[in-house]
């Protein structure tokens, strides 16, 4: 269970969209999209969403996280990581990659007094 600290908010409560999907048969893309520019900037400026965090959440080494960056024009954070098993391959459990965003939902973001 995630520990809630004072002045922190779960990412799921700040973002409009938290999703995952295939980015080809060998990659998964994670998208975190905001609909409020102030909230987006506040999250971006915490620098909580990083390549290392994504690696830790998904149990991979940072070199398997191919992209981890913010896109100001879209008010979004995007990460792409290499799949350990190709989409549809033997032993793979999420062909479309749509169930992989869950670890991001409970990431705690420092967010002042806005609980």
PDB file of N, CA and C in Angstrom:
ATOM      1  N   UNK A   1       0.845  -1.182   0.000  1.00  0.00           N
ATOM      2  CA  UNK A   1       0.000   0.000   0.000  1.00  0.00           C
ATOM      3  C   UNK A   1       0.885   1.239   0.000  1.00  0.00           C
ATOM      4  N   UNK A   2       0.505   2.228  -0.794  1.00  0.00           N
ATOM      5  CA  UNK A   2       1.267   3.466  -0.940  1.00  0.00           C
ATOM      6  C   UNK A   2       1.037   4.351   0.284  1.00  0.00           C
ATOM      7  N   UNK A   3       2.098   4.887   0.838  1.00  0.00           N
ATOM      8  CA  UNK A   3       1.993   5.792   1.970  1.00  0.00           C
ATOM      9  C   UNK A   3       1.679   7.193   1.469  1.00  0.00           C
ATOM     10  N   UNK A   4       0.628   7.797   2.002  1.00  0.00           N
ATOM     11  CA  UNK A   4       0.257   9.154   1.629  1.00  0.00           C
ATOM     12  C   UNK A   4       0.924  10.110   2.602  1.00  0.00           C
ATOM     13  N   UNK A   5       1.753  10.986   2.072  1.00  0.00           N
ATOM     14  CA  UNK A   5       2.437  11.974   2.904  1.00  0.00           C
ATOM     15  C   UNK A   5       1.688  13.295   2.808  1.00  0.00           C
ATOM     16  N   UNK A   6       1.788  14.153   3.836  1.00  0.00           N
ATOM     17  CA  UNK A   6       1.159  15.470   3.752  1.00  0.00           C
ATOM     18  C   UNK A   6       1.662  16.208   2.518  1.00  0.00           C
ATOM     19  N   UNK A   7       0.767  16.947   1.904  1.00  0.00           N
ATOM     20  CA  UNK A   7       1.093  17.766   0.737  1.00  0.00           C
ATOM     21  C   UNK A   7       1.540  16.950  -0.466  1.00  0.00           C
ATOM     22  N   UNK A   8       1.018  15.751  -0.596  1.00  0.00           N
ATOM     23  CA  UNK A   8       1.235  14.963  -1.799  1.00  0.00           C
ATOM     24  C   UNK A   8      -0.115  14.496  -2.324  1.00  0.00           C
ATOM     25  N   UNK A   9      -0.152  14.253  -3.627  1.00  0.00           N
ATOM     26  CA  UNK A   9      -1.385  13.819  -4.283  1.00  0.00           C
ATOM     27  C   UNK A   9      -1.012  12.691  -5.242  1.00  0.00           C
ATOM     28  N   UNK A  10      -1.874  11.702  -5.347  1.00  0.00           N
ATOM     29  CA  UNK A  10      -1.633  10.627  -6.314  1.00  0.00           C
ATOM     30  C   UNK A  10      -1.719  11.191  -7.732  1.00  0.00           C
ATOM     31  N   UNK A  11      -0.859  10.692  -8.594  1.00  0.00           N
ATOM     32  CA  UNK A  11      -0.850  11.139  -9.985  1.00  0.00           C
ATOM     33  C   UNK A  11      -2.226  10.982 -10.621  1.00  0.00           C
ATOM     34  N   UNK A  12      -2.926   9.909 -10.305  1.00  0.00           N
ATOM     35  CA  UNK A  12      -4.263   9.685 -10.886  1.00  0.00           C
ATOM     36  C   UNK A  12      -5.241  10.799 -10.558  1.00  0.00           C
ATOM     37  N   UNK A  13      -5.007  11.522  -9.464  1.00  0.00           N
ATOM     38  CA  UNK A  13      -5.904  12.611  -9.076  1.00  0.00           C
ATOM     39  C   UNK A  13      -5.527  13.942  -9.704  1.00  0.00           C
ATOM     40  N   UNK A  14      -4.379  13.995 -10.352  1.00  0.00           N
ATOM     41  CA  UNK A  14      -3.919  15.224 -10.997  1.00  0.00           C
ATOM     42  C   UNK A  14      -4.027  15.167 -12.518  1.00  0.00           C
ATOM     43  N   UNK A  15      -3.836  14.000 -13.093  1.00  0.00           N
ATOM     44  CA  UNK A  15      -3.822  13.848 -14.547  1.00  0.00           C
ATOM     45  C   UNK A  15      -5.221  13.569 -15.079  1.00  0.00           C
ATOM     46  N   UNK A  16      -5.481  14.046 -16.277  1.00  0.00           N
ATOM     47  CA  UNK A  16      -6.735  13.752 -16.967  1.00  0.00           C
ATOM     48  C   UNK A  16      -6.705  12.328 -17.531  1.00  0.00           C
ATOM     49  N   UNK A  17      -5.539  11.926 -18.056  1.00  0.00           N
ATOM     50  CA  UNK A  17      -5.379  10.609 -18.667  1.00  0.00           C
ATOM     51  C   UNK A  17      -4.073   9.983 -18.184  1.00  0.00           C
ATOM     52  N   UNK A  18      -4.144   8.734 -17.777  1.00  0.00           N
ATOM     53  CA  UNK A  18      -2.958   7.918 -17.505  1.00  0.00           C
ATOM     54  C   UNK A  18      -3.222   6.616 -18.251  1.00  0.00           C
ATOM     55  N   UNK A  19      -2.441   6.364 -19.312  1.00  0.00           N
ATOM     56  CA  UNK A  19      -2.728   5.199 -20.146  1.00  0.00           C
ATOM     57  C   UNK A  19      -1.443   4.564 -20.661  1.00  0.00           C
ATOM     58  N   UNK A  20      -1.603   3.360 -21.174  1.00  0.00           N
ATOM     59  CA  UNK A  20      -0.499   2.658 -21.816  1.00  0.00           C
ATOM     60  C   UNK A  20      -1.023   2.032 -23.101  1.00  0.00           C
ATOM     61  N   UNK A  21      -0.095   1.791 -24.020  1.00  0.00           N
ATOM     62  CA  UNK A  21      -0.466   1.161 -25.280  1.00  0.00           C
ATOM     63  C   UNK A  21       0.798   0.676 -25.973  1.00  0.00           C
ATOM     64  N   UNK A  22       0.588  -0.167 -26.971  1.00  0.00           N
ATOM     65  CA  UNK A  22       1.713  -0.610 -27.787  1.00  0.00           C
ATOM     66  C   UNK A  22       2.305   0.564 -28.525  1.00  0.00           C
ATOM     67  N   UNK A  23       3.592   0.501 -28.701  1.00  0.00           N
ATOM     68  CA  UNK A  23       4.299   1.423 -29.577  1.00  0.00           C
ATOM     69  C   UNK A  23       5.102   0.532 -30.524  1.00  0.00           C
ATOM     70  N   UNK A  24       4.386  -0.329 -31.220  1.00  0.00           N
ATOM     71  CA  UNK A  24       5.009  -1.370 -32.023  1.00  0.00           C
ATOM     72  C   UNK A  24       5.056  -2.657 -31.222  1.00  0.00           C
ATOM     73  N   UNK A  25       5.491  -3.745 -31.822  1.00  0.00           N
ATOM     74  CA  UNK A  25       5.456  -5.039 -31.134  1.00  0.00           C
ATOM     75  C   UNK A  25       6.509  -5.205 -30.040  1.00  0.00           C
ATOM     76  N   UNK A  26       7.478  -4.292 -29.975  1.00  0.00           N
ATOM     77  CA  UNK A  26       8.575  -4.467 -29.030  1.00  0.00           C
ATOM     78  C   UNK A  26       8.651  -3.368 -27.973  1.00  0.00           C
ATOM     79  N   UNK A  27       7.679  -2.466 -27.953  1.00  0.00           N
ATOM     80  CA  UNK A  27       7.711  -1.333 -27.032  1.00  0.00           C
ATOM     81  C   UNK A  27       6.327  -1.064 -26.456  1.00  0.00           C
ATOM     82  N   UNK A  28       6.320  -0.499 -25.261  1.00  0.00           N
ATOM     83  CA  UNK A  28       5.102  -0.024 -24.593  1.00  0.00           C
ATOM     84  C   UNK A  28       5.278   1.470 -24.349  1.00  0.00           C
ATOM     85  N   UNK A  29       4.243   2.241 -24.633  1.00  0.00           N
ATOM     86  CA  UNK A  29       4.276   3.669 -24.366  1.00  0.00           C
ATOM     87  C   UNK A  29       3.322   3.981 -23.223  1.00  0.00           C
ATOM     88  N   UNK A  30       3.780   4.825 -22.309  1.00  0.00           N
ATOM     89  CA  UNK A  30       2.976   5.305 -21.184  1.00  0.00           C
ATOM     90  C   UNK A  30       2.729   6.791 -21.406  1.00  0.00           C
ATOM     91  N   UNK A  31       1.482   7.216 -21.284  1.00  0.00           N
ATOM     92  CA  UNK A  31       1.129   8.621 -21.452  1.00  0.00           C
ATOM     93  C   UNK A  31       0.446   9.127 -20.197  1.00  0.00           C
ATOM     94  N   UNK A  32       0.873  10.301 -19.744  1.00  0.00           N
ATOM     95  CA  UNK A  32       0.215  11.003 -18.643  1.00  0.00           C
ATOM     96  C   UNK A  32      -0.119  12.383 -19.195  1.00  0.00           C
ATOM     97  N   UNK A  33      -1.418  12.674 -19.321  1.00  0.00           N
ATOM     98  CA  UNK A  33      -1.869  13.907 -19.962  1.00  0.00           C
ATOM     99  C   UNK A  33      -2.674  14.727 -18.952  1.00  0.00           C
ATOM    100  N   UNK A  34      -2.425  16.020 -18.949  1.00  0.00           N
ATOM    101  CA  UNK A  34      -3.091  16.942 -18.034  1.00  0.00           C
ATOM    102  C   UNK A  34      -4.011  17.870 -18.814  1.00  0.00           C
ATOM    103  N   UNK A  35      -5.061  18.358 -18.157  1.00  0.00           N
ATOM    104  CA  UNK A  35      -5.952  19.309 -18.818  1.00  0.00           C
ATOM    105  C   UNK A  35      -5.886  20.706 -18.204  1.00  0.00           C
ATOM    106  N   UNK A  36      -5.048  20.872 -17.196  1.00  0.00           N
ATOM    107  CA  UNK A  36      -4.889  22.175 -16.540  1.00  0.00           C
ATOM    108  C   UNK A  36      -3.412  22.565 -16.624  1.00  0.00           C
ATOM    109  N   UNK A  37      -3.104  23.689 -17.280  1.00  0.00           N
ATOM    110  CA  UNK A  37      -1.700  24.082 -17.433  1.00  0.00           C
ATOM    111  C   UNK A  37      -0.969  24.267 -16.108  1.00  0.00           C
ATOM    112  N   UNK A  38      -1.649  24.785 -15.097  1.00  0.00           N
ATOM    113  CA  UNK A  38      -1.005  24.984 -13.801  1.00  0.00           C
ATOM    114  C   UNK A  38      -0.664  23.660 -13.136  1.00  0.00           C
ATOM    115  N   UNK A  39      -1.556  22.702 -13.225  1.00  0.00           N
ATOM    116  CA  UNK A  39      -1.299  21.377 -12.659  1.00  0.00           C
ATOM    117  C   UNK A  39      -0.164  20.714 -13.419  1.00  0.00           C
ATOM    118  N   UNK A  40      -0.207  20.788 -14.742  1.00  0.00           N
ATOM    119  CA  UNK A  40       0.874  20.208 -15.551  1.00  0.00           C
ATOM    120  C   UNK A  40       2.232  20.773 -15.149  1.00  0.00           C
ATOM    121  N   UNK A  41       2.323  22.094 -15.085  1.00  0.00           N
ATOM    122  CA  UNK A  41       3.606  22.726 -14.730  1.00  0.00           C
ATOM    123  C   UNK A  41       4.045  22.332 -13.324  1.00  0.00           C
ATOM    124  N   UNK A  42       3.100  22.256 -12.391  1.00  0.00           N
ATOM    125  CA  UNK A  42       3.437  21.874 -11.012  1.00  0.00           C
ATOM    126  C   UNK A  42       4.011  20.457 -10.970  1.00  0.00           C
ATOM    127  N   UNK A  43       3.389  19.529 -11.702  1.00  0.00           N
ATOM    128  CA  UNK A  43       3.887  18.151 -11.731  1.00  0.00           C
ATOM    129  C   UNK A  43       5.242  18.107 -12.427  1.00  0.00           C
ATOM    130  N   UNK A  44       5.354  18.736 -13.581  1.00  0.00           N
ATOM    131  CA  UNK A  44       6.627  18.762 -14.323  1.00  0.00           C
ATOM    132  C   UNK A  44       7.758  19.306 -13.450  1.00  0.00           C
ATOM    133  N   UNK A  45       7.471  20.371 -12.731  1.00  0.00           N
ATOM    134  CA  UNK A  45       8.515  21.033 -11.946  1.00  0.00           C
ATOM    135  C   UNK A  45       8.960  20.245 -10.726  1.00  0.00           C
ATOM    136  N   UNK A  46       8.182  19.231 -10.304  1.00  0.00           N
ATOM    137  CA  UNK A  46       8.627  18.371  -9.195  1.00  0.00           C
ATOM    138  C   UNK A  46       9.737  17.431  -9.636  1.00  0.00           C
ATOM    139  N   UNK A  47       9.789  17.141 -10.929  1.00  0.00           N
ATOM    140  CA  UNK A  47      10.759  16.192 -11.488  1.00  0.00           C
ATOM    141  C   UNK A  47      10.638  14.806 -10.840  1.00  0.00           C
ATOM    142  N   UNK A  48       9.426  14.425 -10.477  1.00  0.00           N
ATOM    143  CA  UNK A  48       9.194  13.091  -9.931  1.00  0.00           C
ATOM    144  C   UNK A  48       9.154  12.054 -11.051  1.00  0.00           C
ATOM    145  N   UNK A  49       8.521  12.398 -12.163  1.00  0.00           N
ATOM    146  CA  UNK A  49       8.413  11.465 -13.284  1.00  0.00           C
ATOM    147  C   UNK A  49       9.723  11.493 -14.068  1.00  0.00           C
ATOM    148  N   UNK A  50      10.515  10.455 -13.892  1.00  0.00           N
ATOM    149  CA  UNK A  50      11.839  10.385 -14.498  1.00  0.00           C
ATOM    150  C   UNK A  50      12.066   8.999 -15.099  1.00  0.00           C
ATOM    151  N   UNK A  51      13.116   8.889 -15.860  1.00  0.00           N
ATOM    152  CA  UNK A  51      13.533   7.603 -16.426  1.00  0.00           C
ATOM    153  C   UNK A  51      13.763   6.591 -15.294  1.00  0.00           C
ATOM    154  N   UNK A  52      14.416   7.020 -14.227  1.00  0.00           N
ATOM    155  CA  UNK A  52      14.695   6.109 -13.113  1.00  0.00           C
ATOM    156  C   UNK A  52      13.409   5.656 -12.437  1.00  0.00           C
ATOM    157  N   UNK A  53      12.454   6.559 -12.239  1.00  0.00           N
ATOM    158  CA  UNK A  53      11.183   6.162 -11.628  1.00  0.00           C
ATOM    159  C   UNK A  53      10.481   5.122 -12.500  1.00  0.00           C
ATOM    160  N   UNK A  54      10.428   5.361 -13.797  1.00  0.00           N
ATOM    161  CA  UNK A  54       9.782   4.405 -14.698  1.00  0.00           C
ATOM    162  C   UNK A  54      10.493   3.053 -14.616  1.00  0.00           C
ATOM    163  N   UNK A  55      11.803   3.068 -14.637  1.00  0.00           N
ATOM    164  CA  UNK A  55      12.567   1.818 -14.519  1.00  0.00           C
ATOM    165  C   UNK A  55      12.225   1.097 -13.214  1.00  0.00           C
ATOM    166  N   UNK A  56      12.177   1.836 -12.120  1.00  0.00           N
ATOM    167  CA  UNK A  56      11.863   1.238 -10.823  1.00  0.00           C
ATOM    168  C   UNK A  56      10.442   0.666 -10.802  1.00  0.00           C
ATOM    169  N   UNK A  57       9.476   1.423 -11.307  1.00  0.00           N
ATOM    170  CA  UNK A  57       8.080   0.979 -11.303  1.00  0.00           C
ATOM    171  C   UNK A  57       7.875  -0.284 -12.127  1.00  0.00           C
ATOM    172  N   UNK A  58       8.616  -0.402 -13.212  1.00  0.00           N
ATOM    173  CA  UNK A  58       8.406  -1.509 -14.138  1.00  0.00           C
ATOM    174  C   UNK A  58       9.467  -2.603 -14.021  1.00  0.00           C
ATOM    175  N   UNK A  59      10.349  -2.466 -13.033  1.00  0.00           N
ATOM    176  CA  UNK A  59      11.320  -3.512 -12.765  1.00  0.00           C
ATOM    177  C   UNK A  59      12.305  -3.770 -13.892  1.00  0.00           C
ATOM    178  N   UNK A  60      12.708  -2.679 -14.546  1.00  0.00           N
ATOM    179  CA  UNK A  60      13.690  -2.789 -15.627  1.00  0.00           C
ATOM    180  C   UNK A  60      14.859  -1.861 -15.333  1.00  0.00           C
ATOM    181  N   UNK A  61      15.930  -2.033 -16.067  1.00  0.00           N
ATOM    182  CA  UNK A  61      17.059  -1.122 -15.933  1.00  0.00           C
ATOM    183  C   UNK A  61      16.762   0.154 -16.725  1.00  0.00           C
ATOM    184  N   UNK A  62      17.329   1.278 -16.312  1.00  0.00           N
ATOM    185  CA  UNK A  62      17.033   2.550 -16.988  1.00  0.00           C
ATOM    186  C   UNK A  62      17.321   2.540 -18.493  1.00  0.00           C
ATOM    187  N   UNK A  63      18.254   1.712 -18.933  1.00  0.00           N
ATOM    188  CA  UNK A  63      18.543   1.670 -20.369  1.00  0.00           C
ATOM    189  C   UNK A  63      17.405   1.060 -21.181  1.00  0.00           C
ATOM    190  N   UNK A  64      16.472   0.348 -20.537  1.00  0.00           N
ATOM    191  CA  UNK A  64      15.302  -0.193 -21.242  1.00  0.00           C
ATOM    192  C   UNK A  64      14.175   0.836 -21.353  1.00  0.00           C
ATOM    193  N   UNK A  65      14.333   1.967 -20.677  1.00  0.00           N
ATOM    194  CA  UNK A  65      13.374   3.078 -20.804  1.00  0.00           C
ATOM    195  C   UNK A  65      13.911   3.970 -21.914  1.00  0.00           C
ATOM    196  N   UNK A  66      13.317   3.852 -23.065  1.00  0.00           N
ATOM    197  CA  UNK A  66      13.836   4.513 -24.258  1.00  0.00           C
ATOM    198  C   UNK A  66      13.519   6.002 -24.297  1.00  0.00           C
ATOM    199  N   UNK A  67      12.380   6.373 -23.741  1.00  0.00           N
ATOM    200  CA  UNK A  67      11.950   7.774 -23.695  1.00  0.00           C
ATOM    201  C   UNK A  67      11.355   8.013 -22.320  1.00  0.00           C
ATOM    202  N   UNK A  68      11.639   9.161 -21.742  1.00  0.00           N
ATOM    203  CA  UNK A  68      11.001   9.611 -20.508  1.00  0.00           C
ATOM    204  C   UNK A  68      11.120  11.127 -20.507  1.00  0.00           C
ATOM    205  N   UNK A  69      10.077  11.796 -21.006  1.00  0.00           N
ATOM    206  CA  UNK A  69      10.181  13.253 -21.134  1.00  0.00           C
ATOM    207  C   UNK A  69       8.816  13.920 -21.131  1.00  0.00           C
ATOM    208  N   UNK A  70       8.853  15.192 -20.814  1.00  0.00           N
ATOM    209  CA  UNK A  70       7.660  16.027 -20.824  1.00  0.00           C
ATOM    210  C   UNK A  70       7.519  16.701 -22.180  1.00  0.00           C
ATOM    211  N   UNK A  71       6.273  16.897 -22.617  1.00  0.00           N
ATOM    212  CA  UNK A  71       5.956  17.637 -23.836  1.00  0.00           C
ATOM    213  C   UNK A  71       5.065  18.802 -23.434  1.00  0.00           C
ATOM    214  N   UNK A  72       5.653  19.980 -23.325  1.00  0.00           N
ATOM    215  CA  UNK A  72       4.900  21.145 -22.867  1.00  0.00           C
ATOM    216  C   UNK A  72       3.706  21.462 -23.761  1.00  0.00           C
ATOM    217  N   UNK A  73       3.876  21.372 -25.080  1.00  0.00           N
ATOM    218  CA  UNK A  73       2.793  21.726 -26.006  1.00  0.00           C
ATOM    219  C   UNK A  73       1.562  20.840 -25.801  1.00  0.00           C
ATOM    220  N   UNK A  74       1.762  19.612 -25.376  1.00  0.00           N
ATOM    221  CA  UNK A  74       0.651  18.690 -25.152  1.00  0.00           C
ATOM    222  C   UNK A  74       0.275  18.570 -23.680  1.00  0.00           C
ATOM    223  N   UNK A  75       0.982  19.256 -22.798  1.00  0.00           N
ATOM    224  CA  UNK A  75       0.794  19.143 -21.352  1.00  0.00           C
ATOM    225  C   UNK A  75       0.801  17.668 -20.943  1.00  0.00           C
ATOM    226  N   UNK A  76       1.897  16.972 -21.321  1.00  0.00           N
ATOM    227  CA  UNK A  76       1.945  15.528 -21.116  1.00  0.00           C
ATOM    228  C   UNK A  76       3.357  15.061 -20.776  1.00  0.00           C
ATOM    229  N   UNK A  77       3.409  13.908 -20.137  1.00  0.00           N
ATOM    230  CA  UNK A  77       4.642  13.169 -19.909  1.00  0.00           C
ATOM    231  C   UNK A  77       4.512  11.871 -20.679  1.00  0.00           C
ATOM    232  N   UNK A  78       5.574  11.470 -21.342  1.00  0.00           N
ATOM    233  CA  UNK A  78       5.560  10.236 -22.131  1.00  0.00           C
ATOM    234  C   UNK A  78       6.789   9.415 -21.790  1.00  0.00           C
ATOM    235  N   UNK A  79       6.581   8.125 -21.651  1.00  0.00           N
ATOM    236  CA  UNK A  79       7.682   7.185 -21.462  1.00  0.00           C
ATOM    237  C   UNK A  79       7.454   6.007 -22.390  1.00  0.00           C
ATOM    238  N   UNK A  80       8.531   5.522 -22.953  1.00  0.00           N
ATOM    239  CA  UNK A  80       8.466   4.329 -23.793  1.00  0.00           C
ATOM    240  C   UNK A  80       9.512   3.359 -23.281  1.00  0.00           C
ATOM    241  N   UNK A  81       9.086   2.109 -23.072  1.00  0.00           N
ATOM    242  CA  UNK A  81      10.033   1.122 -22.608  1.00  0.00           C
ATOM    243  C   UNK A  81       9.988  -0.114 -23.484  1.00  0.00           C
ATOM    244  N   UNK A  82      11.118  -0.767 -23.571  1.00  0.00           N
ATOM    245  CA  UNK A  82      11.227  -1.989 -24.360  1.00  0.00           C
ATOM    246  C   UNK A  82      10.475  -3.108 -23.647  1.00  0.00           C
ATOM    247  N   UNK A  83       9.679  -3.836 -24.401  1.00  0.00           N
ATOM    248  CA  UNK A  83       8.983  -4.999 -23.851  1.00  0.00           C
ATOM    249  C   UNK A  83       9.996  -6.114 -23.591  1.00  0.00           C
ATOM    250  N   UNK A  84       9.766  -6.883 -22.560  1.00  0.00           N
ATOM    251  CA  UNK A  84      10.627  -8.042 -22.320  1.00  0.00           C
ATOM    252  C   UNK A  84      10.222  -9.202 -23.227  1.00  0.00           C
ATOM    253  N   UNK A  85       8.951  -9.234 -23.638  1.00  0.00           N
ATOM    254  CA  UNK A  85       8.438 -10.236 -24.578  1.00  0.00           C
ATOM    255  C   UNK A  85       7.652  -9.474 -25.639  1.00  0.00           C
ATOM    256  N   UNK A  86       7.851  -9.780 -26.892  1.00  0.00           N
ATOM    257  CA  UNK A  86       7.152  -9.056 -27.951  1.00  0.00           C
ATOM    258  C   UNK A  86       5.646  -9.263 -27.849  1.00  0.00           C
ATOM    259  N   UNK A  87       4.895  -8.280 -28.321  1.00  0.00           N
ATOM    260  CA  UNK A  87       3.439  -8.339 -28.318  1.00  0.00           C
ATOM    261  C   UNK A  87       2.964  -9.596 -29.035  1.00  0.00           C
ATOM    262  N   UNK A  88       2.176 -10.400 -28.343  1.00  0.00           N
ATOM    263  CA  UNK A  88       1.651 -11.626 -28.923  1.00  0.00           C
ATOM    264  C   UNK A  88       2.587 -12.809 -28.843  1.00  0.00           C
ATOM    265  N   UNK A  89       3.787 -12.598 -28.297  1.00  0.00           N
ATOM    266  CA  UNK A  89       4.753 -13.692 -28.186  1.00  0.00           C
ATOM    267  C   UNK A  89       4.381 -14.661 -27.072  1.00  0.00           C
ATOM    268  N   UNK A  90       4.962 -15.857 -27.086  1.00  0.00           N
ATOM    269  CA  UNK A  90       4.691 -16.838 -26.026  1.00  0.00           C
ATOM    270  C   UNK A  90       5.024 -16.260 -24.646  1.00  0.00           C
ATOM    271  N   UNK A  91       4.084 -16.371 -23.723  1.00  0.00           N
ATOM    272  CA  UNK A  91       4.290 -15.887 -22.369  1.00  0.00           C
ATOM    273  C   UNK A  91       3.897 -14.439 -22.155  1.00  0.00           C
ATOM    274  N   UNK A  92       3.583 -13.734 -23.218  1.00  0.00           N
ATOM    275  CA  UNK A  92       3.180 -12.327 -23.108  1.00  0.00           C
ATOM    276  C   UNK A  92       1.745 -12.277 -22.608  1.00  0.00           C
ATOM    277  N   UNK A  93       1.424 -11.330 -21.723  1.00  0.00           N
ATOM    278  CA  UNK A  93       0.106 -11.318 -21.078  1.00  0.00           C
ATOM    279  C   UNK A  93      -0.756 -10.100 -21.395  1.00  0.00           C
ATOM    280  N   UNK A  94      -0.252  -9.158 -22.175  1.00  0.00           N
ATOM    281  CA  UNK A  94      -1.028  -7.954 -22.492  1.00  0.00           C
ATOM    282  C   UNK A  94      -0.705  -7.533 -23.927  1.00  0.00           C
ATOM    283  N   UNK A  95      -1.320  -8.201 -24.877  1.00  0.00           N
ATOM    284  CA  UNK A  95      -1.006  -8.028 -26.292  1.00  0.00           C
ATOM    285  C   UNK A  95      -1.049  -6.572 -26.727  1.00  0.00           C
ATOM    286  N   UNK A  96      -2.045  -5.820 -26.269  1.00  0.00           N
ATOM    287  CA  UNK A  96      -2.197  -4.426 -26.702  1.00  0.00           C
ATOM    288  C   UNK A  96      -1.506  -3.428 -25.786  1.00  0.00           C
ATOM    289  N   UNK A  97      -0.955  -3.887 -24.681  1.00  0.00           N
ATOM    290  CA  UNK A  97      -0.246  -2.998 -23.772  1.00  0.00           C
ATOM    291  C   UNK A  97      -1.143  -2.076 -22.981  1.00  0.00           C
ATOM    292  N   UNK A  98      -2.442  -2.312 -23.016  1.00  0.00           N
ATOM    293  CA  UNK A  98      -3.398  -1.412 -22.381  1.00  0.00           C
ATOM    294  C   UNK A  98      -3.520  -1.522 -20.875  1.00  0.00           C
ATOM    295  N   UNK A  99      -2.875  -2.510 -20.273  1.00  0.00           N
ATOM    296  CA  UNK A  99      -2.998  -2.711 -18.820  1.00  0.00           C
ATOM    297  C   UNK A  99      -1.726  -2.332 -18.070  1.00  0.00           C
ATOM    298  N   UNK A 100      -0.825  -1.623 -18.708  1.00  0.00           N
ATOM    299  CA  UNK A 100       0.478  -1.377 -18.105  1.00  0.00           C
ATOM    300  C   UNK A 100       0.607  -0.042 -17.375  1.00  0.00           C
ATOM    301  N   UNK A 101      -0.400   0.795 -17.403  1.00  0.00           N
ATOM    302  CA  UNK A 101      -0.313   2.112 -16.755  1.00  0.00           C
ATOM    303  C   UNK A 101      -0.523   2.051 -15.244  1.00  0.00           C
ATOM    304  N   UNK A 102      -1.049   0.964 -14.744  1.00  0.00           N
ATOM    305  CA  UNK A 102      -1.422   0.879 -13.326  1.00  0.00           C
ATOM    306  C   UNK A 102      -0.340   1.324 -12.347  1.00  0.00           C
ATOM    307  N   UNK A 103       0.926   0.946 -12.514  1.00  0.00           N
ATOM    308  CA  UNK A 103       1.933   1.389 -11.537  1.00  0.00           C
ATOM    309  C   UNK A 103       2.068   2.910 -11.438  1.00  0.00           C
ATOM    310  N   UNK A 104       1.715   3.622 -12.481  1.00  0.00           N
ATOM    311  CA  UNK A 104       1.815   5.089 -12.443  1.00  0.00           C
ATOM    312  C   UNK A 104       0.715   5.741 -11.606  1.00  0.00           C
ATOM    313  N   UNK A 105      -0.412   5.083 -11.490  1.00  0.00           N
ATOM    314  CA  UNK A 105      -1.580   5.704 -10.869  1.00  0.00           C
ATOM    315  C   UNK A 105      -1.336   6.183  -9.443  1.00  0.00           C
ATOM    316  N   UNK A 106      -0.582   5.428  -8.671  1.00  0.00           N
ATOM    317  CA  UNK A 106      -0.374   5.765  -7.262  1.00  0.00           C
ATOM    318  C   UNK A 106       0.945   6.470  -6.983  1.00  0.00           C
ATOM    319  N   UNK A 107       1.636   6.927  -8.020  1.00  0.00           N
ATOM    320  CA  UNK A 107       2.845   7.716  -7.797  1.00  0.00           C
ATOM    321  C   UNK A 107       2.449   8.981  -7.047  1.00  0.00           C
ATOM    322  N   UNK A 108       3.146   9.244  -5.953  1.00  0.00           N
ATOM    323  CA  UNK A 108       2.830  10.410  -5.127  1.00  0.00           C
ATOM    324  C   UNK A 108       3.605  11.627  -5.623  1.00  0.00           C
ATOM    325  N   UNK A 109       2.872  12.719  -5.844  1.00  0.00           N
ATOM    326  CA  UNK A 109       3.436  13.954  -6.368  1.00  0.00           C
ATOM    327  C   UNK A 109       3.364  15.020  -5.283  1.00  0.00           C
ATOM    328  N   UNK A 110       4.472  15.653  -4.933  1.00  0.00           N
ATOM    329  CA  UNK A 110       4.396  16.806  -4.014  1.00  0.00           C
ATOM    330  C   UNK A 110       3.535  17.881  -4.658  1.00  0.00           C
ATOM    331  N   UNK A 111       2.542  18.327  -3.941  1.00  0.00           N
ATOM    332  CA  UNK A 111       1.606  19.275  -4.548  1.00  0.00           C
ATOM    333  C   UNK A 111       1.060  20.264  -3.528  1.00  0.00           C
ATOM    334  N   UNK A 112       1.937  20.869  -2.764  1.00  0.00           N
ATOM    335  CA  UNK A 112       1.543  21.926  -1.840  1.00  0.00           C
ATOM    336  C   UNK A 112       0.387  21.527  -0.951  1.00  0.00           C
ATOM    337  N   UNK A 113      -0.540  22.452  -0.790  1.00  0.00           N
ATOM    338  CA  UNK A 113      -1.706  22.237   0.073  1.00  0.00           C
ATOM    339  C   UNK A 113      -2.957  21.899  -0.729  1.00  0.00           C
ATOM    340  N   UNK A 114      -2.802  21.338  -1.930  1.00  0.00           N
ATOM    341  CA  UNK A 114      -3.922  21.118  -2.829  1.00  0.00           C
ATOM    342  C   UNK A 114      -4.507  19.722  -2.731  1.00  0.00           C
ATOM    343  N   UNK A 115      -4.619  19.171  -1.539  1.00  0.00           N
ATOM    344  CA  UNK A 115      -5.159  17.812  -1.402  1.00  0.00           C
ATOM    345  C   UNK A 115      -6.654  17.791  -1.539  1.00  0.00           C
TER     346      UNK A 115
END
